[in-house]
């Protein structure tokens, strides 16, 4: 279970998703030298912890993706189910990245009264893409394990 390469790939995906909680996804910048960060929890008022725009869906999608990766690691004897759950996790991760861009653009409506505002996307936005690569590599490794087991069964 722990010695398989897909376990390492899925653990890396979990860690990278965990890093999303610590980074800013984007920053709203205006002409008057003010900045409002956009995180998984939402948009905060400049310098305070007051949430102007809440994005609980993003946080729940990240947590669900992390839990799904953990479940896949623990289901090491059921490779077909592992493949299906990993594919679901890959889809969920793709939806997370698309949702980040959608909610960032939607949060721009909070600042309707500010002129010349623009969005600077942070590292957190693109950090959501990297777990997709590791989940895909885990799927490929699980499929290789399944093919190896089937080949061994044919030899008997």
Protein backbone atom coordinates (compact mmCIF):
# COMPACT_ATOMS: atom_id res chain seq x y z
CA UNK A 1 0.00 0.00 0.00
CA UNK A 2 2.49 2.67 1.12
CA UNK A 3 5.30 1.46 -1.14
CA UNK A 4 3.35 2.10 -4.34
CA UNK A 5 4.20 5.14 -6.44
CA UNK A 6 0.57 6.23 -6.77
CA UNK A 7 0.50 6.72 -3.00
CA UNK A 8 3.31 9.22 -3.34
CA UNK A 9 1.55 10.99 -6.21
CA UNK A 10 -1.68 11.27 -4.24
CA UNK A 11 0.12 12.49 -1.10
CA UNK A 12 1.79 15.21 -3.16
CA UNK A 13 -1.64 16.17 -4.53
CA UNK A 14 -3.00 16.37 -0.97
CA UNK A 15 -0.10 18.57 0.14
CA UNK A 16 -0.44 20.89 -2.85
CA UNK A 17 -4.17 21.24 -2.21
CA UNK A 18 -3.34 22.02 1.41
CA UNK A 19 -1.06 24.83 0.25
CA UNK A 20 -4.08 26.48 -1.35
CA UNK A 21 -5.30 27.37 2.16
CA UNK A 22 -2.14 29.41 2.79
CA UNK A 23 -1.86 31.34 -0.47
CA UNK A 24 -3.79 34.16 -2.06
CA UNK A 25 -5.59 33.10 -5.21
CA UNK A 26 -5.75 36.65 -6.54
CA UNK A 27 -5.49 40.25 -5.44
CA UNK A 28 -7.86 43.04 -6.45
CA UNK A 29 -5.83 46.18 -7.06
CA UNK A 30 -7.24 49.67 -7.51
CA UNK A 31 -5.82 53.02 -8.55
CA UNK A 32 -5.75 54.38 -5.01
CA UNK A 33 -3.04 51.88 -3.98
CA UNK A 34 -5.36 49.57 -2.14
CA UNK A 35 -5.34 45.80 -2.38
CA UNK A 36 -7.89 43.22 -1.35
CA UNK A 37 -6.77 39.58 -1.30
CA UNK A 38 -8.96 36.80 -2.67
CA UNK A 39 -8.41 33.51 -0.82
CA UNK A 40 -10.30 30.24 -0.50
CA UNK A 41 -12.40 31.87 2.21
CA UNK A 42 -13.34 34.86 0.08
CA UNK A 43 -12.46 38.51 -0.39
CA UNK A 44 -11.34 40.43 2.67
CA UNK A 45 -11.61 44.13 3.37
CA UNK A 46 -8.26 45.89 3.21
CA UNK A 47 -6.26 45.07 6.35
CA UNK A 48 -9.08 43.41 8.31
CA UNK A 49 -10.61 39.98 8.63
CA UNK A 50 -14.05 41.12 7.43
CA UNK A 51 -15.27 38.98 4.52
CA UNK A 52 -16.94 40.94 1.73
CA UNK A 53 -17.43 38.02 -0.67
CA UNK A 54 -17.58 34.48 0.68
CA UNK A 55 -16.49 31.44 -1.33
CA UNK A 56 -17.27 28.45 0.84
CA UNK A 57 -17.75 26.31 -2.26
CA UNK A 58 -14.07 26.64 -3.16
CA UNK A 59 -12.99 25.58 0.29
CA UNK A 60 -15.35 22.62 0.31
CA UNK A 61 -14.11 21.53 -3.14
CA UNK A 62 -10.50 21.57 -1.95
CA UNK A 63 -11.35 19.62 1.21
CA UNK A 64 -13.38 17.11 -0.82
CA UNK A 65 -10.51 16.63 -3.25
CA UNK A 66 -8.09 16.06 -0.38
CA UNK A 67 -10.42 13.56 1.28
CA UNK A 68 -11.02 11.75 -2.00
CA UNK A 69 -7.26 11.40 -2.51
CA UNK A 70 -6.93 9.99 0.99
CA UNK A 71 -9.75 7.51 0.39
CA UNK A 72 -8.09 6.37 -2.83
CA UNK A 73 -4.83 5.77 -0.95
CA UNK A 74 -6.60 3.66 1.66
CA UNK A 75 -8.50 1.52 -0.89
CA UNK A 76 -5.36 -0.18 -2.18
CA UNK A 77 -6.97 -3.61 -2.65
CA UNK A 78 -9.78 -2.37 -4.92
CA UNK A 79 -7.90 -1.04 -7.91
CA UNK A 80 -10.91 -0.62 -10.21
CA UNK A 81 -12.67 1.49 -7.59
CA UNK A 82 -9.43 3.41 -7.07
CA UNK A 83 -9.33 4.25 -10.77
CA UNK A 84 -12.94 5.44 -10.80
CA UNK A 85 -12.52 7.57 -7.66
CA UNK A 86 -9.27 9.03 -9.00
CA UNK A 87 -11.00 9.97 -12.23
CA UNK A 88 -13.74 11.63 -10.19
CA UNK A 89 -11.05 13.43 -8.20
CA UNK A 90 -9.40 14.61 -11.43
CA UNK A 91 -12.73 15.98 -12.62
CA UNK A 92 -13.32 17.66 -9.26
CA UNK A 93 -9.86 19.25 -9.40
CA UNK A 94 -10.56 20.58 -12.91
CA UNK A 95 -13.86 22.01 -11.68
CA UNK A 96 -11.99 23.61 -8.77
CA UNK A 97 -9.61 25.42 -11.11
CA UNK A 98 -12.48 26.60 -13.31
CA UNK A 99 -14.42 27.70 -10.21
CA UNK A 100 -11.46 29.71 -8.95
CA UNK A 101 -11.43 31.76 -12.14
CA UNK A 102 -15.23 32.07 -12.14
CA UNK A 103 -15.47 33.21 -8.52
CA UNK A 104 -12.58 35.63 -8.97
CA UNK A 105 -14.37 37.32 -11.84
CA UNK A 106 -17.67 37.22 -9.94
CA UNK A 107 -16.09 38.80 -6.86
CA UNK A 108 -15.14 41.76 -9.01
CA UNK A 109 -18.80 42.83 -8.79
CA UNK A 110 -18.25 43.67 -5.10
CA UNK A 111 -16.08 46.59 -6.17
CA UNK A 112 -18.56 48.26 -8.53
CA UNK A 113 -17.96 51.72 -7.12
CA UNK A 114 -14.17 51.56 -7.63
CA UNK A 115 -12.77 52.79 -10.91
CA UNK A 116 -9.84 51.19 -12.74
CA UNK A 117 -9.74 47.99 -10.71
CA UNK A 118 -7.94 44.96 -12.02
CA UNK A 119 -7.18 41.43 -10.92
CA UNK A 120 -3.68 40.11 -10.33
CA UNK A 121 -3.82 36.33 -10.19
CA UNK A 122 -1.54 34.82 -7.58
CA UNK A 123 0.40 31.60 -7.37
CA UNK A 124 -2.54 29.93 -5.64
CA UNK A 125 -4.61 30.07 -8.80
CA UNK A 126 -2.08 28.11 -10.78
CA UNK A 127 -1.18 25.90 -7.82
CA UNK A 128 -4.55 24.21 -8.30
CA UNK A 129 -3.40 22.88 -11.68
CA UNK A 130 -0.42 20.92 -10.38
CA UNK A 131 -2.42 18.35 -8.34
CA UNK A 132 -4.24 17.47 -11.56
CA UNK A 133 -0.94 16.24 -13.00
CA UNK A 134 -0.21 14.11 -9.95
CA UNK A 135 -3.72 12.65 -9.87
CA UNK A 136 -3.36 11.75 -13.55
CA UNK A 137 0.00 10.08 -12.84
CA UNK A 138 -1.62 8.15 -9.99
CA UNK A 139 -4.37 6.92 -12.34
CA UNK A 140 -1.76 5.72 -14.81
CA UNK A 141 0.15 3.90 -12.05
CA UNK A 142 -2.98 2.23 -10.73
CA UNK A 143 -3.82 1.06 -14.26
CA UNK A 144 -0.29 -0.36 -14.62
CA UNK A 145 -0.70 -2.25 -11.34
CA UNK A 146 -4.03 -3.62 -12.52
CA UNK A 147 -2.50 -4.75 -15.82
CA UNK A 148 0.37 -6.42 -13.95
CA UNK A 149 -2.04 -8.31 -11.68
CA UNK A 150 -4.14 -9.43 -14.65
CA UNK A 151 -1.02 -10.62 -16.47
CA UNK A 152 0.04 -12.61 -13.43
CA UNK A 153 -3.41 -14.18 -13.23
CA UNK A 154 -3.19 -15.29 -16.87
CA UNK A 155 0.14 -17.01 -16.27
CA UNK A 156 -1.33 -19.20 -13.50
